[in-house]
Amino acid sequence: MKRATNGFLELKVVGPAAAVLAVEATDDLNSFSGIGTVMITNGARLFLDVGSTNHAQRFYRLRQ
């Protein structure tokens, strides 16, 4: 995970090839909301959270 040059948060997602994962985020660890999906190719894929600049802190999880 790192901050991209445009200020968005960049997540490197690693998993089995062709896996489709839902990316969810929360500010408080109580209620997660879907913010996108990512399909793994070649073992890894980058996901850019374009909404990250609107939050002081954010937690993430992946669901299959």
N, C-alpha and C. Protein backbone atom coordinates (compact mmCIF):
# COMPACT_ATOMS: atom_id res chain seq x y z
N MET A 1 0.84 -1.15 0.00
CA MET A 1 0.00 0.00 0.00
C MET A 1 0.90 1.23 0.00
N LYS A 2 0.57 2.18 -0.87
CA LYS A 2 1.34 3.42 -0.90
C LYS A 2 0.47 4.54 -1.47
N ARG A 3 0.87 5.75 -1.22
CA ARG A 3 0.17 6.91 -1.75
C ARG A 3 0.71 7.19 -3.15
N ALA A 4 -0.18 7.24 -4.13
CA ALA A 4 0.21 7.53 -5.50
C ALA A 4 0.52 9.03 -5.64
N THR A 5 1.15 9.42 -6.72
CA THR A 5 1.53 10.82 -6.92
C THR A 5 0.31 11.75 -7.00
N ASN A 6 -0.85 11.21 -7.38
CA ASN A 6 -2.06 12.03 -7.45
C ASN A 6 -2.79 12.11 -6.11
N GLY A 7 -2.22 11.50 -5.05
CA GLY A 7 -2.81 11.57 -3.72
C GLY A 7 -3.70 10.40 -3.37
N PHE A 8 -4.08 9.59 -4.34
CA PHE A 8 -4.92 8.42 -4.08
C PHE A 8 -4.09 7.30 -3.46
N LEU A 9 -4.77 6.39 -2.77
CA LEU A 9 -4.07 5.26 -2.17
C LEU A 9 -4.03 4.11 -3.16
N GLU A 10 -2.87 3.50 -3.31
CA GLU A 10 -2.67 2.40 -4.24
C GLU A 10 -2.45 1.12 -3.43
N LEU A 11 -3.31 0.14 -3.66
CA LEU A 11 -3.21 -1.14 -2.97
C LEU A 11 -2.71 -2.21 -3.93
N LYS A 12 -1.71 -2.97 -3.52
CA LYS A 12 -1.26 -4.10 -4.33
C LYS A 12 -1.96 -5.34 -3.78
N VAL A 13 -2.79 -5.94 -4.61
CA VAL A 13 -3.58 -7.10 -4.23
C VAL A 13 -2.92 -8.34 -4.83
N VAL A 14 -2.62 -9.32 -3.98
CA VAL A 14 -1.96 -10.55 -4.41
C VAL A 14 -2.92 -11.71 -4.17
N GLY A 15 -3.01 -12.62 -5.14
CA GLY A 15 -3.88 -13.77 -4.99
C GLY A 15 -3.76 -14.72 -6.17
N PRO A 16 -4.60 -15.73 -6.19
CA PRO A 16 -4.56 -16.70 -7.28
C PRO A 16 -5.01 -16.08 -8.60
N ALA A 17 -4.43 -16.55 -9.69
CA ALA A 17 -4.77 -16.03 -11.01
C ALA A 17 -6.26 -16.17 -11.29
N ALA A 18 -6.82 -15.16 -11.92
CA ALA A 18 -8.22 -15.09 -12.33
C ALA A 18 -9.20 -14.92 -11.18
N ALA A 19 -8.72 -14.73 -9.95
CA ALA A 19 -9.62 -14.47 -8.83
C ALA A 19 -10.21 -13.08 -8.98
N VAL A 20 -11.51 -12.96 -8.72
CA VAL A 20 -12.18 -11.66 -8.72
C VAL A 20 -12.54 -11.36 -7.27
N LEU A 21 -12.03 -10.24 -6.76
CA LEU A 21 -12.21 -9.89 -5.36
C LEU A 21 -12.92 -8.55 -5.22
N ALA A 22 -13.82 -8.48 -4.25
CA ALA A 22 -14.48 -7.22 -3.91
C ALA A 22 -13.59 -6.47 -2.93
N VAL A 23 -13.38 -5.19 -3.17
CA VAL A 23 -12.60 -4.34 -2.27
C VAL A 23 -13.61 -3.53 -1.45
N GLU A 24 -13.47 -3.61 -0.12
CA GLU A 24 -14.36 -2.88 0.78
C GLU A 24 -13.53 -1.99 1.69
N ALA A 25 -14.12 -0.88 2.13
CA ALA A 25 -13.41 0.06 2.99
C ALA A 25 -14.33 0.58 4.09
N THR A 26 -13.71 1.04 5.17
CA THR A 26 -14.45 1.62 6.29
C THR A 26 -13.56 2.63 7.02
N ASP A 27 -14.19 3.55 7.70
CA ASP A 27 -13.46 4.50 8.55
C ASP A 27 -13.39 4.03 10.00
N ASP A 28 -14.33 3.13 10.39
CA ASP A 28 -14.49 2.80 11.81
C ASP A 28 -14.41 1.30 12.15
N LEU A 29 -14.14 0.46 11.19
CA LEU A 29 -14.08 -1.01 11.36
C LEU A 29 -15.41 -1.64 11.72
N ASN A 30 -16.50 -0.89 11.66
CA ASN A 30 -17.82 -1.44 11.97
C ASN A 30 -18.66 -1.71 10.72
N SER A 31 -18.68 -0.77 9.81
CA SER A 31 -19.50 -0.95 8.62
C SER A 31 -18.66 -0.72 7.37
N PHE A 32 -18.46 -1.79 6.61
CA PHE A 32 -17.68 -1.73 5.38
C PHE A 32 -18.59 -1.47 4.20
N SER A 33 -18.09 -0.74 3.22
CA SER A 33 -18.82 -0.47 1.98
C SER A 33 -17.95 -0.89 0.80
N GLY A 34 -18.61 -1.41 -0.22
CA GLY A 34 -17.88 -1.79 -1.43
C GLY A 34 -17.37 -0.57 -2.17
N ILE A 35 -16.12 -0.59 -2.58
CA ILE A 35 -15.56 0.54 -3.33
C ILE A 35 -15.03 0.10 -4.70
N GLY A 36 -15.14 -1.19 -5.00
CA GLY A 36 -14.72 -1.66 -6.31
C GLY A 36 -14.41 -3.14 -6.32
N THR A 37 -13.96 -3.61 -7.46
CA THR A 37 -13.54 -5.00 -7.60
C THR A 37 -12.18 -5.03 -8.29
N VAL A 38 -11.50 -6.12 -8.10
CA VAL A 38 -10.20 -6.29 -8.74
C VAL A 38 -10.09 -7.73 -9.22
N MET A 39 -9.58 -7.91 -10.45
CA MET A 39 -9.35 -9.25 -10.98
C MET A 39 -7.84 -9.48 -11.01
N ILE A 40 -7.40 -10.53 -10.36
CA ILE A 40 -5.98 -10.84 -10.25
C ILE A 40 -5.48 -11.41 -11.57
N THR A 41 -4.40 -10.85 -12.08
CA THR A 41 -3.73 -11.39 -13.26
C THR A 41 -2.25 -11.52 -12.92
N ASN A 42 -1.65 -12.60 -13.31
CA ASN A 42 -0.22 -12.84 -13.04
C ASN A 42 0.13 -12.76 -11.56
N GLY A 43 -0.82 -13.14 -10.69
CA GLY A 43 -0.55 -13.21 -9.26
C GLY A 43 -0.75 -11.94 -8.48
N ALA A 44 -0.88 -10.79 -9.14
CA ALA A 44 -1.05 -9.53 -8.43
C ALA A 44 -1.74 -8.50 -9.32
N ARG A 45 -2.33 -7.51 -8.67
CA ARG A 45 -2.99 -6.42 -9.40
C ARG A 45 -3.00 -5.18 -8.52
N LEU A 46 -2.89 -4.01 -9.11
CA LEU A 46 -2.98 -2.77 -8.35
C LEU A 46 -4.41 -2.26 -8.36
N PHE A 47 -4.85 -1.75 -7.21
CA PHE A 47 -6.17 -1.14 -7.08
C PHE A 47 -5.97 0.27 -6.57
N LEU A 48 -6.56 1.24 -7.23
CA LEU A 48 -6.43 2.64 -6.85
C LEU A 48 -7.71 3.10 -6.17
N ASP A 49 -7.62 3.51 -4.90
CA ASP A 49 -8.78 4.02 -4.16
C ASP A 49 -8.88 5.52 -4.40
N VAL A 50 -9.74 5.89 -5.34
CA VAL A 50 -9.89 7.30 -5.69
C VAL A 50 -10.64 8.09 -4.63
N GLY A 51 -11.30 7.41 -3.69
CA GLY A 51 -12.01 8.09 -2.62
C GLY A 51 -11.18 8.29 -1.37
N SER A 52 -9.94 7.82 -1.37
CA SER A 52 -9.12 7.85 -0.17
C SER A 52 -8.78 9.27 0.30
N THR A 53 -8.75 10.22 -0.60
CA THR A 53 -8.40 11.59 -0.22
C THR A 53 -9.49 12.25 0.62
N ASN A 54 -10.69 11.67 0.66
CA ASN A 54 -11.80 12.23 1.43
C ASN A 54 -11.87 11.68 2.85
N HIS A 55 -10.89 10.89 3.28
CA HIS A 55 -10.92 10.23 4.58
C HIS A 55 -9.60 10.44 5.32
N ALA A 56 -9.71 10.76 6.62
CA ALA A 56 -8.50 10.93 7.44
C ALA A 56 -7.81 9.59 7.67
N GLN A 57 -8.60 8.52 7.82
CA GLN A 57 -8.07 7.16 7.94
C GLN A 57 -9.06 6.22 7.27
N ARG A 58 -8.55 5.09 6.80
CA ARG A 58 -9.41 4.13 6.12
C ARG A 58 -8.81 2.75 6.26
N PHE A 59 -9.68 1.77 6.48
CA PHE A 59 -9.28 0.37 6.60
C PHE A 59 -9.90 -0.39 5.42
N TYR A 60 -9.20 -1.44 4.98
CA TYR A 60 -9.62 -2.18 3.80
C TYR A 60 -9.73 -3.67 4.08
N ARG A 61 -10.60 -4.32 3.31
CA ARG A 61 -10.65 -5.78 3.31
C ARG A 61 -11.04 -6.23 1.92
N LEU A 62 -10.70 -7.47 1.61
CA LEU A 62 -11.03 -8.10 0.34
C LEU A 62 -11.97 -9.26 0.60
N ARG A 63 -12.94 -9.44 -0.30
CA ARG A 63 -13.87 -10.57 -0.19
C ARG A 63 -13.95 -11.25 -1.54
N GLN A 64 -14.01 -12.58 -1.47
CA GLN A 64 -14.10 -13.36 -2.70
C GLN A 64 -15.54 -13.64 -3.04
